[in-house]
Amino acid sequence: MSQRERGEYLIRALGRELPQVTLPQLPADEEGQWRLFRALCSLRPPRPVSEEFLQVQDAYLSERVRQRGVVDGQALPATRADGRIVLWQGDITTLKVDAIVNAANAKLLGCFQPLHGCIDNMIHSVAGVQLRLKCQALMAAQGRDEPPGRAKLTPAYNLPCRYVLHTVGPIVFGELTRREEGQLAGCYRACLELAAEHRCRSIAFCCISTGEFRFPPARAAEIAVETVTDFLRAHPGPERVIFNVFQERDLALYRRLLGPDRAV
């Protein structure tokens, strides 16, 4: 089965599961297929899925990961400030590390808004429908929404990393409070503790809470660097912590705090 045939199969299968959605004409190009697949996966509730669907989906996503390329987190240059800390600008779903951090919402089921630009949406899209099912099982066992400042670990499925650490950052509605600052620091600590517990040598953090949750980016960067640095001083692992940024604004903020990379 070609990549195009896989995409068409998955889109048709998802369309049958979502009768409320009127499918457009199947896109002829692979990028158009990917966007439609992503949109349908976002809408799909966490319900059982056939082994045939999973086999086709996993082959489709694995090939897409291969085509886009994988970034080896161990090969990225460390900062001069700390040999265990890396600052990297790029797409976190391409990173080959032990764990990446997902900025989740309190339901922990991913983003249901088709083609939304949040990291939660993209991570679930690249991982596959299994990730939402696993998160549903965790939340059903917990019996309540996930509070801010904690973390949960799942397999990464089709992502190039091993695990996804899901953490819910604070939502800022007005002026920033010390409670919200403490919750954000808790997100970083909880992820590091869970990574160390599962013997993760490398972990990549996104910029938690600074998008839809409106945490001031400059203060968020300070809290992230302070919390990670304090943790690394007291613990032997993880051996490598990557601050992953996407926007130029965040790259500048972290560079001011961490300084330049080491010469390679």
C-alpha atoms as a PDB file:
ATOM      1  CA  MET A   1       0.000   0.000   0.000  1.00  0.00           C
ATOM      2  CA  SER A   2       1.439   3.378  -0.998  1.00  0.00           C
ATOM      3  CA  GLN A   3       1.459   6.399   1.317  1.00  0.00           C
ATOM      4  CA  ARG A   4      -1.351   7.954  -0.715  1.00  0.00           C
ATOM      5  CA  GLU A   5      -3.402   4.749  -0.482  1.00  0.00           C
ATOM      6  CA  ARG A   6      -2.857   4.637   3.270  1.00  0.00           C
ATOM      7  CA  GLY A   7      -4.042   8.224   3.593  1.00  0.00           C
ATOM      8  CA  GLU A   8      -7.166   7.534   1.551  1.00  0.00           C
ATOM      9  CA  TYR A   9      -7.954   4.420   3.593  1.00  0.00           C
ATOM     10  CA  LEU A  10      -7.604   6.277   6.892  1.00  0.00           C
ATOM     11  CA  ILE A  11      -9.685   9.251   5.770  1.00  0.00           C
ATOM     12  CA  ARG A  12     -12.512   7.004   4.563  1.00  0.00           C
ATOM     13  CA  ALA A  13     -12.400   4.942   7.767  1.00  0.00           C
ATOM     14  CA  LEU A  14     -12.528   8.046   9.948  1.00  0.00           C
ATOM     15  CA  GLY A  15     -15.311   9.485   7.806  1.00  0.00           C
ATOM     16  CA  ARG A  16     -17.443   6.382   8.450  1.00  0.00           C
ATOM     17  CA  GLU A  17     -16.893   6.831  12.178  1.00  0.00           C
ATOM     18  CA  LEU A  18     -17.941  10.484  12.019  1.00  0.00           C
ATOM     19  CA  PRO A  19     -21.234  10.537  10.080  1.00  0.00           C
ATOM     20  CA  GLN A  20     -21.883  14.093  11.264  1.00  0.00           C
ATOM     21  CA  VAL A  21     -18.928  15.257   9.156  1.00  0.00           C
ATOM     22  CA  THR A  22     -19.376  15.799   5.431  1.00  0.00           C
ATOM     23  CA  LEU A  23     -16.127  14.733   3.816  1.00  0.00           C
ATOM     24  CA  PRO A  24     -14.778  16.914   1.032  1.00  0.00           C
ATOM     25  CA  GLN A  25     -13.348  15.376  -2.099  1.00  0.00           C
ATOM     26  CA  LEU A  26     -10.248  13.385  -1.208  1.00  0.00           C
ATOM     27  CA  PRO A  27      -7.175  15.599  -1.671  1.00  0.00           C
ATOM     28  CA  ALA A  28      -4.851  14.502  -4.465  1.00  0.00           C
ATOM     29  CA  ASP A  29      -1.665  15.602  -2.685  1.00  0.00           C
ATOM     30  CA  GLU A  30      -0.119  14.052   0.417  1.00  0.00           C
ATOM     31  CA  GLU A  31      -0.066  17.327   2.378  1.00  0.00           C
ATOM     32  CA  GLY A  32      -3.771  17.826   1.772  1.00  0.00           C
ATOM     33  CA  GLN A  33      -4.414  14.256   2.902  1.00  0.00           C
ATOM     34  CA  TRP A  34      -2.389  14.867   6.058  1.00  0.00           C
ATOM     35  CA  ARG A  35      -4.390  17.968   6.953  1.00  0.00           C
ATOM     36  CA  LEU A  36      -7.689  16.144   6.475  1.00  0.00           C
ATOM     37  CA  PHE A  37      -6.452  13.136   8.450  1.00  0.00           C
ATOM     38  CA  ARG A  38      -5.338  15.454  11.268  1.00  0.00           C
ATOM     39  CA  ALA A  39      -8.701  17.230  11.322  1.00  0.00           C
ATOM     40  CA  LEU A  40     -10.656  13.976  11.495  1.00  0.00           C
ATOM     41  CA  CYS A  41      -8.408  12.539  14.212  1.00  0.00           C
ATOM     42  CA  SER A  42      -8.985  15.664  16.311  1.00  0.00           C
ATOM     43  CA  LEU A  43     -12.748  15.119  16.074  1.00  0.00           C
ATOM     44  CA  ARG A  44     -12.626  11.386  16.770  1.00  0.00           C
ATOM     45  CA  PRO A  45     -13.714  10.532  20.332  1.00  0.00           C
ATOM     46  CA  PRO A  46     -11.670   7.975  22.313  1.00  0.00           C
ATOM     47  CA  ARG A  47     -13.427   4.800  21.226  1.00  0.00           C
ATOM     48  CA  PRO A  48     -12.063   1.326  20.367  1.00  0.00           C
ATOM     49  CA  VAL A  49     -10.278   1.001  17.055  1.00  0.00           C
ATOM     50  CA  SER A  50      -9.623  -1.999  14.814  1.00  0.00           C
ATOM     51  CA  GLU A  51      -6.210  -3.627  14.454  1.00  0.00           C
ATOM     52  CA  GLU A  52      -6.410  -3.110  10.699  1.00  0.00           C
ATOM     53  CA  PHE A  53      -6.868   0.635  11.157  1.00  0.00           C
ATOM     54  CA  LEU A  54      -3.946   0.786  13.581  1.00  0.00           C
ATOM     55  CA  GLN A  55      -1.636  -1.123  11.245  1.00  0.00           C
ATOM     56  CA  VAL A  56      -2.395   1.226   8.346  1.00  0.00           C
ATOM     57  CA  GLN A  57      -2.255   4.316  10.564  1.00  0.00           C
ATOM     58  CA  ASP A  58       1.069   3.332  12.131  1.00  0.00           C
ATOM     59  CA  ALA A  59       2.614   2.674   8.721  1.00  0.00           C
ATOM     60  CA  TYR A  60       1.269   6.011   7.475  1.00  0.00           C
ATOM     61  CA  LEU A  61       2.576   7.994  10.445  1.00  0.00           C
ATOM     62  CA  SER A  62       5.931   6.210  10.519  1.00  0.00           C
ATOM     63  CA  GLU A  63       6.482   7.044   6.865  1.00  0.00           C
ATOM     64  CA  ARG A  64       5.520  10.657   7.480  1.00  0.00           C
ATOM     65  CA  VAL A  65       8.014  10.870  10.361  1.00  0.00           C
ATOM     66  CA  ARG A  66      10.692   9.390   8.091  1.00  0.00           C
ATOM     67  CA  GLN A  67       9.932  11.859   5.299  1.00  0.00           C
ATOM     68  CA  ARG A  68      10.046  14.868   7.608  1.00  0.00           C
ATOM     69  CA  GLY A  69      13.264  13.763   9.268  1.00  0.00           C
ATOM     70  CA  VAL A  70      14.186  13.082  12.882  1.00  0.00           C
ATOM     71  CA  VAL A  71      16.356  15.347  15.030  1.00  0.00           C
ATOM     72  CA  ASP A  72      18.686  13.510  17.423  1.00  0.00           C
ATOM     73  CA  GLY A  73      18.429  15.282  20.763  1.00  0.00           C
ATOM     74  CA  GLN A  74      21.801  13.903  21.874  1.00  0.00           C
ATOM     75  CA  ALA A  75      23.522  15.607  18.941  1.00  0.00           C
ATOM     76  CA  LEU A  76      22.261  19.112  19.774  1.00  0.00           C
ATOM     77  CA  PRO A  77      24.873  21.452  21.301  1.00  0.00           C
ATOM     78  CA  ALA A  78      24.564  22.240  24.993  1.00  0.00           C
ATOM     79  CA  THR A  79      24.587  25.769  26.353  1.00  0.00           C
ATOM     80  CA  ARG A  80      27.654  27.285  27.956  1.00  0.00           C
ATOM     81  CA  ALA A  81      25.634  27.846  31.115  1.00  0.00           C
ATOM     82  CA  ASP A  82      25.150  24.111  31.755  1.00  0.00           C
ATOM     83  CA  GLY A  83      26.400  21.103  29.803  1.00  0.00           C
ATOM     84  CA  ARG A  84      23.146  19.277  30.448  1.00  0.00           C
ATOM     85  CA  ILE A  85      20.889  22.030  29.066  1.00  0.00           C
ATOM     86  CA  VAL A  86      20.102  22.584  25.389  1.00  0.00           C
ATOM     87  CA  LEU A  87      18.170  25.382  23.706  1.00  0.00           C
ATOM     88  CA  TRP A  88      16.655  24.328  20.387  1.00  0.00           C
ATOM     89  CA  GLN A  89      14.178  25.967  18.029  1.00  0.00           C
ATOM     90  CA  GLY A  90      12.065  23.553  15.997  1.00  0.00           C
ATOM     91  CA  ASP A  91       9.183  21.106  15.930  1.00  0.00           C
ATOM     92  CA  ILE A  92       9.144  19.013  19.102  1.00  0.00           C
ATOM     93  CA  THR A  93       7.386  16.145  17.298  1.00  0.00           C
ATOM     94  CA  THR A  94      10.573  15.536  15.275  1.00  0.00           C
ATOM     95  CA  LEU A  95      12.824  15.085  18.320  1.00  0.00           C
ATOM     96  CA  LYS A  96      14.396  11.739  19.082  1.00  0.00           C
ATOM     97  CA  VAL A  97      14.680  11.889  22.874  1.00  0.00           C
ATOM     98  CA  ASP A  98      13.446   9.749  25.719  1.00  0.00           C
ATOM     99  CA  ALA A  99      10.524  12.051  26.554  1.00  0.00           C
ATOM    100  CA  ILE A 100       8.824  15.155  25.245  1.00  0.00           C
ATOM    101  CA  VAL A 101       6.497  17.326  27.296  1.00  0.00           C
ATOM    102  CA  ASN A 102       2.977  18.055  26.121  1.00  0.00           C
ATOM    103  CA  ALA A 103       1.165  21.160  27.381  1.00  0.00           C
ATOM    104  CA  ALA A 104      -2.191  19.473  27.933  1.00  0.00           C
ATOM    105  CA  ASN A 105      -5.608  20.626  29.076  1.00  0.00           C
ATOM    106  CA  ALA A 106      -7.368  19.409  32.216  1.00  0.00           C
ATOM    107  CA  LYS A 107      -9.235  16.624  30.371  1.00  0.00           C
ATOM    108  CA  LEU A 108      -5.894  15.258  29.090  1.00  0.00           C
ATOM    109  CA  LEU A 109      -7.561  13.964  25.913  1.00  0.00           C
ATOM    110  CA  GLY A 110      -5.864  16.234  23.419  1.00  0.00           C
ATOM    111  CA  CYS A 111      -7.275  19.104  21.394  1.00  0.00           C
ATOM    112  CA  PHE A 112     -10.608  18.456  19.648  1.00  0.00           C
ATOM    113  CA  GLN A 113     -10.407  21.549  17.430  1.00  0.00           C
ATOM    114  CA  PRO A 114      -9.456  20.482  13.884  1.00  0.00           C
ATOM    115  CA  LEU A 115      -6.080  21.783  12.699  1.00  0.00           C
ATOM    116  CA  HIS A 116      -5.596  23.906  15.810  1.00  0.00           C
ATOM    117  CA  GLY A 117      -2.038  25.171  16.127  1.00  0.00           C
ATOM    118  CA  CYS A 118      -1.464  24.103  19.733  1.00  0.00           C
ATOM    119  CA  ILE A 119       1.237  21.608  20.620  1.00  0.00           C
ATOM    120  CA  ASP A 120      -1.371  19.301  22.184  1.00  0.00           C
ATOM    121  CA  ASN A 121      -3.062  18.956  18.794  1.00  0.00           C
ATOM    122  CA  MET A 122       0.141  18.269  16.899  1.00  0.00           C
ATOM    123  CA  ILE A 123       1.506  15.736  19.395  1.00  0.00           C
ATOM    124  CA  HIS A 124      -1.729  13.729  19.317  1.00  0.00           C
ATOM    125  CA  SER A 125      -1.818  13.933  15.507  1.00  0.00           C
ATOM    126  CA  VAL A 126       1.681  12.506  15.059  1.00  0.00           C
ATOM    127  CA  ALA A 127       1.345   9.936  17.861  1.00  0.00           C
ATOM    128  CA  GLY A 128      -1.912   8.480  16.486  1.00  0.00           C
ATOM    129  CA  VAL A 129      -5.323   7.694  17.927  1.00  0.00           C
ATOM    130  CA  GLN A 130      -3.804   5.350  20.534  1.00  0.00           C
ATOM    131  CA  LEU A 131      -2.586   8.332  22.535  1.00  0.00           C
ATOM    132  CA  ARG A 132      -6.093   9.667  23.162  1.00  0.00           C
ATOM    133  CA  LEU A 133      -7.245   6.183  24.146  1.00  0.00           C
ATOM    134  CA  LYS A 134      -4.376   5.816  26.619  1.00  0.00           C
ATOM    135  CA  CYS A 135      -5.071   9.242  28.109  1.00  0.00           C
ATOM    136  CA  GLN A 136      -8.743   8.363  28.479  1.00  0.00           C
ATOM    137  CA  ALA A 137      -7.801   5.233  30.416  1.00  0.00           C
ATOM    138  CA  LEU A 138      -5.585   7.267  32.744  1.00  0.00           C
ATOM    139  CA  MET A 139      -8.312   9.826  33.348  1.00  0.00           C
ATOM    140  CA  ALA A 140     -10.980   7.176  33.892  1.00  0.00           C
ATOM    141  CA  ALA A 141      -8.773   5.579  36.557  1.00  0.00           C
ATOM    142  CA  GLN A 142      -8.205   8.988  38.156  1.00  0.00           C
ATOM    143  CA  GLY A 143     -11.885   9.918  38.083  1.00  0.00           C
ATOM    144  CA  ARG A 144     -11.393  13.688  37.846  1.00  0.00           C
ATOM    145  CA  ASP A 145      -9.720  16.377  35.785  1.00  0.00           C
ATOM    146  CA  GLU A 146      -5.950  16.735  35.930  1.00  0.00           C
ATOM    147  CA  PRO A 147      -4.941  19.610  38.228  1.00  0.00           C
ATOM    148  CA  PRO A 148      -2.212  22.093  37.253  1.00  0.00           C
ATOM    149  CA  GLY A 149       1.356  21.335  38.252  1.00  0.00           C
ATOM    150  CA  ARG A 150       1.365  17.548  37.905  1.00  0.00           C
ATOM    151  CA  ALA A 151       2.407  15.156  35.133  1.00  0.00           C
ATOM    152  CA  LYS A 152       1.407  11.845  33.606  1.00  0.00           C
ATOM    153  CA  LEU A 153       3.465   9.582  31.364  1.00  0.00           C
ATOM    154  CA  THR A 154       2.270   7.665  28.302  1.00  0.00           C
ATOM    155  CA  PRO A 155       3.955   5.824  25.456  1.00  0.00           C
ATOM    156  CA  ALA A 156       4.747   8.010  22.453  1.00  0.00           C
ATOM    157  CA  TYR A 157       3.400   5.535  19.877  1.00  0.00           C
ATOM    158  CA  ASN A 158       4.378   6.880  16.430  1.00  0.00           C
ATOM    159  CA  LEU A 159       6.427   9.844  17.628  1.00  0.00           C
ATOM    160  CA  PRO A 160      10.217   9.415  17.423  1.00  0.00           C
ATOM    161  CA  CYS A 161      10.541   9.797  21.213  1.00  0.00           C
ATOM    162  CA  ARG A 162       9.818   7.029  23.754  1.00  0.00           C
ATOM    163  CA  TYR A 163       7.384   8.779  26.075  1.00  0.00           C
ATOM    164  CA  VAL A 164       5.084  11.773  26.272  1.00  0.00           C
ATOM    165  CA  LEU A 165       4.819  13.611  29.589  1.00  0.00           C
ATOM    166  CA  HIS A 166       1.468  15.387  29.839  1.00  0.00           C
ATOM    167  CA  THR A 167       1.257  18.361  32.165  1.00  0.00           C
ATOM    168  CA  VAL A 168      -1.435  20.984  32.702  1.00  0.00           C
ATOM    169  CA  GLY A 169      -0.115  24.477  33.202  1.00  0.00           C
ATOM    170  CA  PRO A 170      -1.962  27.301  34.973  1.00  0.00           C
ATOM    171  CA  ILE A 171      -4.415  29.474  33.059  1.00  0.00           C
ATOM    172  CA  VAL A 172      -3.819  33.178  33.704  1.00  0.00           C
ATOM    173  CA  PHE A 173      -6.978  35.293  33.676  1.00  0.00           C
ATOM    174  CA  GLY A 174      -5.669  38.585  35.038  1.00  0.00           C
ATOM    175  CA  GLU A 175      -2.512  39.645  36.812  1.00  0.00           C
ATOM    176  CA  LEU A 176      -0.045  36.849  37.391  1.00  0.00           C
ATOM    177  CA  THR A 177      -0.163  35.419  40.925  1.00  0.00           C
ATOM    178  CA  ARG A 178       2.379  33.581  43.043  1.00  0.00           C
ATOM    179  CA  ARG A 179       0.057  30.585  43.036  1.00  0.00           C
ATOM    180  CA  GLU A 180       0.193  30.434  39.244  1.00  0.00           C
ATOM    181  CA  GLU A 181       3.970  30.796  39.313  1.00  0.00           C
ATOM    182  CA  GLY A 182       4.148  27.910  41.767  1.00  0.00           C
ATOM    183  CA  GLN A 183       1.901  25.778  39.575  1.00  0.00           C
ATOM    184  CA  LEU A 184       4.093  26.378  36.546  1.00  0.00           C
ATOM    185  CA  ALA A 185       7.223  25.460  38.494  1.00  0.00           C
ATOM    186  CA  GLY A 186       5.348  22.354  39.625  1.00  0.00           C
ATOM    187  CA  CYS A 187       4.820  21.335  35.997  1.00  0.00           C
ATOM    188  CA  TYR A 188       8.562  21.355  35.345  1.00  0.00           C
ATOM    189  CA  ARG A 189       9.420  19.545  38.581  1.00  0.00           C
ATOM    190  CA  ALA A 190       6.730  16.899  38.091  1.00  0.00           C
ATOM    191  CA  CYS A 191       7.928  16.162  34.556  1.00  0.00           C
ATOM    192  CA  LEU A 192      11.558  15.917  35.658  1.00  0.00           C
ATOM    193  CA  GLU A 193      10.666  13.632  38.567  1.00  0.00           C
ATOM    194  CA  LEU A 194       8.611  11.356  36.333  1.00  0.00           C
ATOM    195  CA  ALA A 195      11.356  11.306  33.712  1.00  0.00           C
ATOM    196  CA  ALA A 196      13.941  10.373  36.339  1.00  0.00           C
ATOM    197  CA  GLU A 197      11.629   7.685  37.726  1.00  0.00           C
ATOM    198  CA  HIS A 198      11.440   6.083  34.268  1.00  0.00           C
ATOM    199  CA  ARG A 199      15.202   6.455  33.734  1.00  0.00           C
ATOM    200  CA  CYS A 200      14.860   8.927  30.901  1.00  0.00           C
ATOM    201  CA  ARG A 201      18.252  10.275  29.901  1.00  0.00           C
ATOM    202  CA  SER A 202      16.795  13.117  27.847  1.00  0.00           C
ATOM    203  CA  ILE A 203      13.664  15.248  28.052  1.00  0.00           C
ATOM    204  CA  ALA A 204      12.403  18.108  25.886  1.00  0.00           C
ATOM    205  CA  PHE A 205      10.169  20.836  27.320  1.00  0.00           C
ATOM    206  CA  CYS A 206       7.823  22.998  25.316  1.00  0.00           C
ATOM    207  CA  CYS A 207       6.925  26.510  26.541  1.00  0.00           C
ATOM    208  CA  ILE A 208       4.206  25.465  28.983  1.00  0.00           C
ATOM    209  CA  SER A 209       1.186  27.778  29.422  1.00  0.00           C
ATOM    210  CA  THR A 210       2.516  30.641  27.300  1.00  0.00           C
ATOM    211  CA  GLY A 211       0.036  30.225  24.438  1.00  0.00           C
ATOM    212  CA  GLU A 212      -3.698  29.751  24.967  1.00  0.00           C
ATOM    213  CA  PHE A 213      -3.185  29.791  28.758  1.00  0.00           C
ATOM    214  CA  ARG A 214      -1.733  33.340  28.659  1.00  0.00           C
ATOM    215  CA  PHE A 215       1.188  32.951  31.075  1.00  0.00           C
ATOM    216  CA  PRO A 216       3.607  35.876  30.479  1.00  0.00           C
ATOM    217  CA  PRO A 217       6.396  34.382  28.326  1.00  0.00           C
ATOM    218  CA  ALA A 218       9.314  36.189  29.967  1.00  0.00           C
ATOM    219  CA  ARG A 219       8.369  35.106  33.473  1.00  0.00           C
ATOM    220  CA  ALA A 220       7.564  31.594  32.239  1.00  0.00           C
ATOM    221  CA  ALA A 221      11.072  31.284  30.793  1.00  0.00           C
ATOM    222  CA  GLU A 222      12.624  32.446  34.064  1.00  0.00           C
ATOM    223  CA  ILE A 223      10.613  29.907  36.059  1.00  0.00           C
ATOM    224  CA  ALA A 224      11.462  27.129  33.597  1.00  0.00           C
ATOM    225  CA  VAL A 225      15.198  27.790  33.723  1.00  0.00           C
ATOM    226  CA  GLU A 226      15.267  28.281  37.510  1.00  0.00           C
ATOM    227  CA  THR A 227      13.281  25.107  38.191  1.00  0.00           C
ATOM    228  CA  VAL A 228      15.247  22.905  35.800  1.00  0.00           C
ATOM    229  CA  THR A 229      18.596  24.250  36.986  1.00  0.00           C
ATOM    230  CA  ASP A 230      17.720  23.661  40.639  1.00  0.00           C
ATOM    231  CA  PHE A 231      16.546  20.116  39.860  1.00  0.00           C
ATOM    232  CA  LEU A 232      19.696  19.241  37.919  1.00  0.00           C
ATOM    233  CA  ARG A 233      21.894  20.494  40.768  1.00  0.00           C
ATOM    234  CA  ALA A 234      20.223  18.026  43.114  1.00  0.00           C
ATOM    235  CA  HIS A 235      19.754  15.001  40.834  1.00  0.00           C
ATOM    236  CA  PRO A 236      21.987  12.926  38.533  1.00  0.00           C
ATOM    237  CA  GLY A 237      19.351  12.651  35.827  1.00  0.00           C
ATOM    238  CA  PRO A 238      18.064  13.397  33.292  1.00  0.00           C
ATOM    239  CA  GLU A 239      21.399  13.871  31.564  1.00  0.00           C
ATOM    240  CA  ARG A 240      20.010  16.256  28.949  1.00  0.00           C
ATOM    241  CA  VAL A 241      17.183  18.781  29.185  1.00  0.00           C
ATOM    242  CA  ILE A 242      16.109  20.509  25.989  1.00  0.00           C
ATOM    243  CA  PHE A 243      14.190  23.762  26.080  1.00  0.00           C
ATOM    244  CA  ASN A 244      12.283  23.561  22.817  1.00  0.00           C
ATOM    245  CA  VAL A 245      11.011  26.864  21.453  1.00  0.00           C
ATOM    246  CA  PHE A 246       9.087  27.572  18.276  1.00  0.00           C
ATOM    247  CA  GLN A 247       8.721  31.353  18.172  1.00  0.00           C
ATOM    248  CA  GLU A 248      11.576  33.848  17.777  1.00  0.00           C
ATOM    249  CA  ARG A 249      10.273  35.665  20.855  1.00  0.00           C
ATOM    250  CA  ASP A 250      10.856  32.633  23.064  1.00  0.00           C
ATOM    251  CA  LEU A 251      14.238  31.902  21.503  1.00  0.00           C
ATOM    252  CA  ALA A 252      15.390  35.406  22.469  1.00  0.00           C
ATOM    253  CA  LEU A 253      14.041  35.050  26.014  1.00  0.00           C
ATOM    254  CA  TYR A 254      15.837  31.764  26.648  1.00  0.00           C
ATOM    255  CA  ARG A 255      19.053  32.954  25.022  1.00  0.00           C
ATOM    256  CA  ARG A 256      19.125  35.887  27.412  1.00  0.00           C
ATOM    257  CA  LEU A 257      18.845  33.480  30.340  1.00  0.00           C
ATOM    258  CA  LEU A 258      21.090  30.688  29.104  1.00  0.00           C
ATOM    259  CA  GLY A 259      23.644  32.426  26.920  1.00  0.00           C
ATOM    260  CA  PRO A 260      25.092  31.025  23.684  1.00  0.00           C
ATOM    261  CA  ASP A 261      25.665  27.380  22.829  1.00  0.00           C
ATOM    262  CA  ARG A 262      29.017  25.745  23.368  1.00  0.00           C
ATOM    263  CA  ALA A 263      31.293  25.633  20.337  1.00  0.00           C
ATOM    264  CA  VAL A 264      30.962  22.406  18.372  1.00  0.00           C
END
